[in-house]
Amino acid sequence: MGQRSTSRFRPKPDRSKRTLILVAVLLVLFLIGLDYIGWLKGVRSFVFPLVLGKHVAPNMTQFYQLITRQLSAYGVKRRAVSGFTDREGVFHLKVDLPLARYQLLAGHLENALIESGAKILALEASRDKDRAYYLWTIEGQRKERLALLFSCFLPAKGKTAEPTPPPVPPGPRPIPTKFVALIIDDMGNSLDAAREVCGLGLPLTVSILPYSLHGTEAAQLAHECGLEVMLHLPMESLGNHRTEKSTPGMITADMKDEDIRRTAEDDLGQIPYIRGVNNHMGSKLTQEKRPLSLILESLKEKGLYFIDSRTSTQSLACDLARTMGIPSGTSSLFIDPGDDANALSSAEIKANFLALVQLAKRNGQAIGIGHPRPATISALKDCLPLYKNSDVSFVFASRLAQK
C-alpha cells in the first residue's frame, strides 16, 4: 500500500524579527561611527582606543606645556606664571612680564599655538595706570577653553624704551593666505646663534650640520622653543669648496652605494628632533641621480621631507624626491648669499627678505634660506613688525613640502 505523500511547508520568515535585526545592526554601526569620530577628535571614545590606541590630538595639557616652553625661551620665570580652573572647567593662566617682552614673544606664541591645532578665538587689550593687559581666549581641538592673560607692567615714567600699548583692543589679524618658510642654515656651531634665532619670534626652521660642535644642544634648544629642526646634509659641490674635504659627514658622487647609505644613516643619527633634510652645498651631487636616489631612500625610510637648497639650476633633487613619494620643496632664494667674508649688509638682506615675501604673495608660497649672521638677525628683527600686520604667514618648511 503506497504511502500517502504529505506536503511540508516551511514557515515564512518573521518580517518583524528581520526588521528588528536590521535596526539593531544600523544602530550598532551608528554608535561605532560616533565612537570613531570621537576617537579622531580626541573626545570620549570607547572602542577605537582599545583597537587602535589613544588618538594623539592636542589637548590643553599640551598647549599649556607649549606656552610655558615659549615663555621660558624668552626668559619668563616660572614664578611669573600662575593658573586655576574655574567652575565651568575653563583653565585660566596669568603671566606677569614686561611689556617689551610680551611684544617680542606674542607673534611667535600665536603661530606656535596655531601650528599645534589650537584656535585663538579672541584677543582683548586694556590698560590701567601701571599695566597693560592682553587676554587671549584659546580653544583646543576638543573644544576646551584656555584663558591666557598677560599682565604687562609698563616702564617707569621718563623711560621711553618700551612703547605705549594701544588704548583699544587691536583689530583682527588678516587671515593668512600666503605662506613663507624661512630656513636658517649652518646651525650647530654656536649656541649664541641658536639663542638669537630662537629669540626672533618667528616659526623658523633651523637646519643643523651633522657633527657640529653644538649640534645636539642647538637642536634641543630649538625644539624647546617650538621651532622645527632639520638636518643640513653635506653634499659634494662642483666648485670643490675649500671647506669640503674637512666637512664631516660629506657625501660625494663617486662613493660606493654602501658608503653613501652608511654615511647618510650616520649623518641622520647625529641630530635629534629632525623632521626633514636640506642639502649643504651639493651643486654636483644634486645633479647625480644614483647617489641622490640612495640618500632619498634613507629619508623615505625615516618619514622625512626634503628641501632642495637649489645650489644648482640643474638639480634633480626635488623632482626625484616627489617621484619617490617624498614630501619636498625647493628654495626660492637665499636672503644672505655669500660667506662671512663677503656678507651682505643688513639693508641688502632686508631687501632680499621683502623680495621673498613678494614671491609668496605672487605664487602663494615661497621657501627662503638664511644664515645665523649678525646682519641677518638684525634684518629679520626689523622685518618682524611688517610680518605681524601682513596677510603673509610664516610656517615651518614641512608645511610647504609637497609630494
Protein backbone atom coordinates (compact mmCIF):
# COMPACT_ATOMS: atom_id res chain seq x y z
CA MET A 1 0.00 0.00 0.00
CA GLY A 2 1.63 3.29 -1.11
CA GLN A 3 2.50 5.93 1.43
CA ARG A 4 0.43 9.00 1.10
CA SER A 5 2.68 11.93 0.40
CA THR A 6 2.23 14.93 2.64
CA SER A 7 3.18 18.46 1.73
CA ARG A 8 5.59 20.18 4.11
CA PHE A 9 5.60 23.93 4.24
CA ARG A 10 8.46 25.96 5.69
CA PRO A 11 7.22 28.76 7.94
CA LYS A 12 7.56 32.20 6.39
CA PRO A 13 10.30 34.33 7.92
CA ASP A 14 9.12 36.69 10.57
CA ARG A 15 9.38 40.10 8.94
CA SER A 16 9.19 41.93 12.21
CA LYS A 17 12.18 39.96 13.52
CA ARG A 18 14.19 40.81 10.41
CA THR A 19 13.31 44.46 10.80
CA LEU A 20 14.45 44.43 14.41
CA ILE A 21 17.73 42.81 13.45
CA LEU A 22 18.29 45.39 10.70
CA VAL A 23 17.54 48.27 13.07
CA ALA A 24 19.90 46.81 15.66
CA VAL A 25 22.70 46.46 13.09
CA LEU A 26 22.20 50.04 11.89
CA LEU A 27 22.20 51.29 15.47
CA VAL A 28 25.45 49.46 16.22
CA LEU A 29 27.07 50.88 13.07
CA PHE A 30 25.88 54.36 14.02
CA LEU A 31 27.34 54.05 17.52
CA ILE A 32 30.62 52.73 16.12
CA GLY A 33 30.70 55.70 13.74
CA LEU A 34 30.19 58.13 16.62
CA ASP A 35 32.89 56.36 18.59
CA TYR A 36 35.28 56.64 15.66
CA ILE A 37 34.57 60.35 15.22
CA GLY A 38 35.16 60.82 18.95
CA TRP A 39 38.47 58.98 18.65
CA LEU A 40 39.56 61.16 15.72
CA LYS A 41 38.70 64.36 17.58
CA GLY A 42 40.26 63.17 20.80
CA VAL A 43 37.00 63.35 22.80
CA ARG A 44 35.24 60.48 24.59
CA SER A 45 35.70 57.17 22.78
CA PHE A 46 35.43 53.55 23.96
CA VAL A 47 36.09 51.04 21.16
CA PHE A 48 38.80 52.58 18.98
CA PRO A 49 41.26 53.42 21.80
CA LEU A 50 41.27 49.69 22.61
CA VAL A 51 41.78 48.66 18.97
CA LEU A 52 43.97 51.45 17.57
CA GLY A 53 45.31 53.14 20.67
CA LYS A 54 44.63 56.53 22.07
CA HIS A 55 44.38 59.24 19.41
CA VAL A 56 47.02 61.90 19.99
CA ALA A 57 45.01 65.02 19.30
CA PRO A 58 46.47 68.07 21.01
CA ASN A 59 44.83 68.92 24.32
CA MET A 60 45.05 71.70 26.87
CA THR A 61 47.86 70.00 28.77
CA GLN A 62 49.98 70.05 25.62
CA PHE A 63 49.05 73.67 24.92
CA TYR A 64 49.98 74.61 28.49
CA GLN A 65 53.36 72.91 28.05
CA LEU A 66 53.86 74.64 24.71
CA ILE A 67 53.06 78.04 26.25
CA THR A 68 55.39 77.56 29.20
CA ARG A 69 58.21 76.45 26.87
CA GLN A 70 57.75 79.59 24.79
CA LEU A 71 57.74 81.78 27.89
CA SER A 72 60.87 80.10 29.21
CA ALA A 73 62.64 80.68 25.88
CA TYR A 74 62.03 84.42 26.32
CA GLY A 75 63.30 84.49 29.89
CA VAL A 76 59.93 84.48 31.69
CA LYS A 77 60.43 82.72 35.04
CA ARG A 78 58.07 80.02 36.34
CA ARG A 79 57.19 82.13 39.37
CA ALA A 80 55.71 84.73 37.00
CA VAL A 81 53.10 82.20 35.78
CA SER A 82 50.02 81.23 37.81
CA GLY A 83 46.76 79.48 36.97
CA PHE A 84 43.49 77.99 38.12
CA THR A 85 40.44 76.20 36.71
CA ASP A 86 37.02 77.86 37.16
CA ARG A 87 33.71 76.13 37.87
CA GLU A 88 32.95 75.82 34.15
CA GLY A 89 36.17 73.92 33.52
CA VAL A 90 37.97 76.81 31.80
CA PHE A 91 41.66 76.95 32.65
CA HIS A 92 42.97 80.46 33.39
CA LEU A 93 46.66 81.22 33.02
CA LYS A 94 48.15 84.55 34.12
CA VAL A 95 51.63 85.73 33.12
CA ASP A 96 53.39 88.75 34.63
CA LEU A 97 56.10 90.20 32.40
CA PRO A 98 57.46 93.46 30.93
CA LEU A 99 55.52 94.92 28.02
CA ALA A 100 58.55 94.78 25.72
CA ARG A 101 58.96 91.06 26.36
CA TYR A 102 55.30 90.40 25.56
CA GLN A 103 55.65 92.28 22.28
CA LEU A 104 58.67 90.15 21.42
CA LEU A 105 57.08 86.77 22.09
CA ALA A 106 53.42 87.34 21.10
CA GLY A 107 53.79 86.65 17.38
CA HIS A 108 55.90 83.55 17.92
CA LEU A 109 53.48 82.16 20.50
CA GLU A 110 50.48 82.79 18.28
CA ASN A 111 51.99 80.86 15.38
CA ALA A 112 53.16 78.02 17.64
CA LEU A 113 49.62 77.61 19.00
CA ILE A 114 48.05 77.64 15.54
CA GLU A 115 50.61 75.12 14.26
CA SER A 116 49.68 72.87 17.21
CA GLY A 117 46.00 72.85 16.25
CA ALA A 118 44.61 75.50 18.63
CA LYS A 119 42.34 78.39 17.69
CA ILE A 120 42.74 81.88 19.10
CA LEU A 121 39.11 82.93 19.35
CA ALA A 122 39.64 86.42 20.74
CA LEU A 123 42.37 88.83 21.79
CA GLU A 124 41.36 91.73 24.05
CA ALA A 125 43.56 94.57 25.27
CA SER A 126 43.11 97.05 28.10
CA ARG A 127 45.25 99.09 30.47
CA ASP A 128 45.33 100.93 33.74
CA LYS A 129 47.83 103.29 35.29
CA ASP A 130 50.70 100.85 35.68
CA ARG A 131 49.91 97.87 33.46
CA ALA A 132 48.69 96.76 30.04
CA TYR A 133 46.57 93.61 29.83
CA TYR A 134 46.20 91.24 26.90
CA LEU A 135 43.62 88.45 27.22
CA TRP A 136 43.81 85.56 24.75
CA THR A 137 40.91 83.12 24.51
CA ILE A 138 42.22 79.82 23.15
CA GLU A 139 40.25 76.75 22.06
CA GLY A 140 41.71 73.28 21.66
CA GLN A 141 40.64 70.55 19.25
CA ARG A 142 38.49 69.05 22.00
CA LYS A 143 36.65 72.38 22.33
CA GLU A 144 38.12 73.05 25.77
CA ARG A 145 38.99 76.66 26.52
CA LEU A 146 42.05 78.33 27.97
CA ALA A 147 42.07 81.97 29.04
CA LEU A 148 45.61 83.36 28.82
CA LEU A 149 46.09 86.75 30.49
CA PHE A 150 49.30 88.69 30.00
CA SER A 151 49.71 91.32 32.72
CA CYS A 152 52.43 93.61 31.35
CA PHE A 153 53.98 96.21 33.62
CA LEU A 154 54.78 99.50 31.93
CA PRO A 155 58.15 101.30 32.05
CA ALA A 156 58.70 103.89 34.74
CA LYS A 157 57.84 107.48 33.90
CA GLY A 158 60.50 109.19 31.88
CA LYS A 159 61.67 105.97 30.22
CA THR A 160 60.88 105.57 26.55
CA ALA A 161 62.49 102.21 25.83
CA GLU A 162 59.12 100.44 25.77
CA PRO A 163 56.32 101.68 23.51
CA THR A 164 52.91 102.59 24.92
CA PRO A 165 50.30 99.87 24.35
CA PRO A 166 47.27 100.62 22.18
CA PRO A 167 44.39 102.17 24.15
CA VAL A 168 41.80 99.98 22.42
CA PRO A 169 41.77 96.28 21.51
CA PRO A 170 43.57 95.60 18.21
CA GLY A 171 41.51 94.60 15.19
CA PRO A 172 41.58 91.02 13.95
CA ARG A 173 44.71 89.92 12.17
CA PRO A 174 44.23 89.34 8.42
CA ILE A 175 43.59 85.68 7.63
CA PRO A 176 46.85 84.38 6.11
CA THR A 177 46.50 83.31 2.51
CA LYS A 178 50.19 83.32 1.53
CA PHE A 179 52.94 81.35 3.22
CA VAL A 180 56.68 81.76 3.70
CA ALA A 181 59.04 79.16 5.16
CA LEU A 182 62.43 80.51 6.18
CA ILE A 183 65.24 78.03 6.85
CA ILE A 184 68.30 79.10 8.86
CA ASP A 185 71.24 77.03 7.58
CA ASP A 186 74.64 76.15 9.07
CA MET A 187 73.35 75.89 12.63
CA GLY A 188 75.12 73.95 15.36
CA ASN A 189 78.46 75.73 15.64
CA SER A 190 77.31 78.40 18.09
CA LEU A 191 74.80 78.27 20.93
CA ASP A 192 74.67 82.07 21.00
CA ALA A 193 73.49 82.00 17.38
CA ALA A 194 70.86 79.39 18.29
CA ARG A 195 69.58 81.62 21.11
CA GLU A 196 69.43 84.61 18.75
CA VAL A 197 67.39 82.64 16.22
CA CYS A 198 65.04 81.33 18.91
CA GLY A 199 64.52 84.88 20.15
CA LEU A 200 63.31 86.24 16.80
CA GLY A 201 59.71 85.29 17.49
CA LEU A 202 59.19 83.61 14.11
CA PRO A 203 58.29 79.98 13.35
CA LEU A 204 61.62 79.31 11.69
CA THR A 205 63.12 76.01 10.57
CA VAL A 206 66.70 75.53 11.78
CA SER A 207 68.99 73.31 9.72
CA ILE A 208 71.84 71.84 11.75
CA LEU A 209 75.10 70.42 10.42
CA PRO A 210 75.97 66.85 11.47
CA TYR A 211 78.98 66.58 13.78
CA SER A 212 78.79 70.33 14.52
CA LEU A 213 80.23 71.42 17.87
CA HIS A 214 76.88 72.23 19.49
CA GLY A 215 74.53 70.38 17.14
CA THR A 216 72.69 68.37 19.78
CA GLU A 217 72.32 71.34 22.16
CA ALA A 218 71.14 73.62 19.35
CA ALA A 219 68.52 71.05 18.30
CA GLN A 220 67.35 70.69 21.90
CA LEU A 221 67.08 74.46 22.34
CA ALA A 222 65.21 74.93 19.05
CA HIS A 223 62.84 72.08 19.89
CA GLU A 224 62.09 73.52 23.34
CA CYS A 225 61.42 76.93 21.75
CA GLY A 226 58.88 75.37 19.38
CA LEU A 227 60.98 75.64 16.22
CA GLU A 228 61.30 72.93 13.59
CA VAL A 229 64.61 71.09 13.23
CA MET A 230 66.11 69.65 10.07
CA LEU A 231 69.48 68.16 9.08
CA HIS A 232 71.83 70.22 6.88
CA LEU A 233 73.30 67.30 4.94
CA PRO A 234 76.75 67.94 3.37
CA MET A 235 76.93 67.07 -0.33
CA GLU A 236 79.66 67.46 -2.92
CA SER A 237 79.81 70.71 -4.89
CA LEU A 238 81.00 71.48 -8.41
CA GLY A 239 83.45 74.12 -7.26
CA ASN A 240 85.37 71.90 -4.83
CA HIS A 241 84.70 74.33 -1.98
CA ARG A 242 87.69 74.98 0.30
CA THR A 243 85.89 73.55 3.35
CA GLU A 244 84.56 70.49 1.55
CA LYS A 245 87.28 67.98 2.41
CA SER A 246 87.23 68.95 6.07
CA THR A 247 83.43 68.81 6.41
CA PRO A 248 82.39 65.78 8.49
CA GLY A 249 79.61 63.66 7.00
CA MET A 250 80.26 64.81 3.42
CA ILE A 251 78.71 62.62 0.69
CA THR A 252 80.44 62.65 -2.68
CA ALA A 253 79.12 61.45 -6.03
CA ASP A 254 81.90 58.87 -6.53
CA MET A 255 81.21 56.98 -3.29
CA LYS A 256 80.11 53.36 -3.50
CA ASP A 257 76.44 52.62 -2.84
CA GLU A 258 77.04 51.09 0.58
CA ASP A 259 79.24 54.05 1.63
CA ILE A 260 76.58 56.55 0.62
CA ARG A 261 73.90 54.67 2.57
CA ARG A 262 76.10 54.31 5.64
CA THR A 263 77.20 57.96 5.62
CA ALA A 264 73.63 59.18 5.17
CA GLU A 265 72.44 56.98 8.04
CA ASP A 266 75.26 58.20 10.29
CA ASP A 267 74.52 61.84 9.45
CA LEU A 268 70.80 61.41 10.12
CA GLY A 269 71.57 59.92 13.52
CA GLN A 270 73.68 62.87 14.61
CA ILE A 271 70.93 65.43 15.23
CA PRO A 272 67.79 64.81 17.35
CA TYR A 273 64.25 66.02 16.58
CA ILE A 274 64.82 66.30 12.81
CA ARG A 275 61.73 66.31 10.61
CA GLY A 276 63.42 66.94 7.30
CA VAL A 277 66.69 67.45 5.40
CA ASN A 278 68.16 70.05 3.07
CA ASN A 279 71.49 69.97 1.28
CA HIS A 280 74.63 71.79 2.43
CA MET A 281 76.42 72.78 -0.80
CA GLY A 282 75.65 69.88 -3.21
CA SER A 283 75.73 71.60 -6.59
CA LYS A 284 77.37 68.47 -8.06
CA LEU A 285 75.67 65.67 -6.15
CA THR A 286 72.14 67.03 -6.66
CA GLN A 287 72.69 66.57 -10.42
CA GLU A 288 73.63 62.88 -10.00
CA LYS A 289 70.64 60.52 -9.90
CA ARG A 290 72.39 57.45 -8.47
CA PRO A 291 73.83 58.92 -5.24
CA LEU A 292 70.84 61.21 -4.80
CA SER A 293 68.41 58.26 -5.01
CA LEU A 294 70.31 56.39 -2.31
CA ILE A 295 70.18 59.38 0.04
CA LEU A 296 66.47 59.93 -0.60
CA GLU A 297 65.75 56.27 0.13
CA SER A 298 67.17 56.78 3.63
CA LEU A 299 64.93 59.82 4.10
CA LYS A 300 61.86 57.93 2.93
CA GLU A 301 62.51 55.07 5.35
CA LYS A 302 62.52 57.57 8.24
CA GLY A 303 59.49 59.57 7.06
CA LEU A 304 61.49 62.78 6.50
CA TYR A 305 60.82 65.53 3.98
CA PHE A 306 63.46 67.09 1.68
CA ILE A 307 64.06 70.72 0.72
CA ASP A 308 66.37 71.35 -2.23
CA SER A 309 68.63 74.28 -1.33
CA ARG A 310 68.91 74.82 -5.07
CA THR A 311 72.66 75.31 -5.25
CA SER A 312 72.47 74.24 -8.90
CA THR A 313 69.95 75.19 -11.56
CA GLN A 314 70.36 71.66 -12.95
CA SER A 315 69.37 69.98 -9.69
CA LEU A 316 67.25 66.82 -9.93
CA ALA A 317 66.60 66.64 -6.19
CA CYS A 318 63.06 67.99 -5.77
CA ASP A 319 61.58 66.23 -8.80
CA LEU A 320 63.28 62.95 -7.91
CA ALA A 321 62.07 63.16 -4.31
CA ARG A 322 58.48 63.68 -5.41
CA THR A 323 58.77 60.80 -7.87
CA MET A 324 59.77 58.64 -4.90
CA GLY A 325 56.79 59.85 -2.88
CA ILE A 326 58.84 62.04 -0.50
CA PRO A 327 57.35 65.41 0.53
CA SER A 328 59.70 68.01 -0.91
CA GLY A 329 60.14 71.62 -1.90
CA THR A 330 62.65 73.97 -3.49
CA SER A 331 64.24 77.10 -2.09
CA SER A 332 63.29 80.25 -3.99
CA LEU A 333 66.26 82.36 -2.88
CA PHE A 334 68.99 82.94 -0.31
CA ILE A 335 68.30 86.13 1.61
CA ASP A 336 72.00 86.49 2.55
CA PRO A 337 74.10 84.83 -0.18
CA GLY A 338 77.88 84.69 0.16
CA ASP A 339 80.11 83.70 3.04
CA ASP A 340 81.10 85.61 6.16
CA ALA A 341 83.91 87.38 4.31
CA ASN A 342 81.50 88.66 1.66
CA ALA A 343 78.42 89.07 3.82
CA LEU A 344 75.69 91.46 2.72
CA SER A 345 74.64 94.45 4.79
CA SER A 346 71.50 94.36 6.92
CA ALA A 347 69.76 96.67 4.42
CA GLU A 348 70.57 94.34 1.50
CA ILE A 349 69.33 91.32 3.44
CA LYS A 350 66.14 93.17 4.33
CA ALA A 351 65.54 93.88 0.63
CA ASN A 352 66.00 90.18 -0.18
CA PHE A 353 63.66 89.24 2.66
CA LEU A 354 60.96 91.54 1.27
CA ALA A 355 61.55 90.03 -2.18
CA LEU A 356 60.89 86.60 -0.65
CA VAL A 357 57.60 87.87 0.80
CA GLN A 358 56.65 89.29 -2.61
CA LEU A 359 57.32 85.87 -4.19
CA ALA A 360 54.94 84.32 -1.68
CA LYS A 361 52.29 86.93 -2.47
CA ARG A 362 52.63 86.25 -6.18
CA ASN A 363 52.90 82.44 -6.07
CA GLY A 364 51.02 81.62 -2.87
CA GLN A 365 54.12 80.34 -1.09
CA ALA A 366 57.90 80.63 -1.05
CA ILE A 367 60.84 78.99 0.73
CA GLY A 368 63.90 81.06 1.63
CA ILE A 369 67.25 80.31 3.24
CA GLY A 370 69.36 82.47 5.54
CA HIS A 371 72.28 82.08 7.93
CA PRO A 372 72.76 82.95 11.61
CA ARG A 373 74.89 86.04 10.92
CA PRO A 374 74.54 89.30 12.88
CA ALA A 375 73.38 91.26 9.83
CA THR A 376 70.74 88.61 9.04
CA ILE A 377 69.43 88.56 12.62
CA SER A 378 69.26 92.37 12.62
CA ALA A 379 67.38 92.44 9.30
CA LEU A 380 64.83 89.87 10.49
CA LYS A 381 64.22 91.82 13.70
CA ASP A 382 63.47 94.93 11.62
CA CYS A 383 61.10 92.98 9.36
CA LEU A 384 59.12 91.42 12.22
CA PRO A 385 56.57 94.29 12.51
CA LEU A 386 55.86 94.04 8.77
CA TYR A 387 55.12 90.34 9.11
CA LYS A 388 52.72 90.82 12.05
CA ASN A 389 50.39 93.06 10.02
CA SER A 390 50.58 91.16 6.75
CA ASP A 391 48.42 88.54 5.08
CA VAL A 392 51.63 86.52 4.64
CA SER A 393 52.12 83.91 7.36
CA PHE A 394 55.41 82.28 8.36
CA VAL A 395 55.24 78.50 8.59
CA PHE A 396 57.67 75.64 9.06
CA ALA A 397 59.29 74.10 5.99
CA SER A 398 57.32 70.88 6.48
CA ARG A 399 54.13 72.85 5.76
CA LEU A 400 55.32 73.67 2.23
CA ALA A 401 56.86 70.28 1.42
CA GLN A 402 54.60 68.54 -1.10
CA LYS A 403 54.52 65.05 -2.62
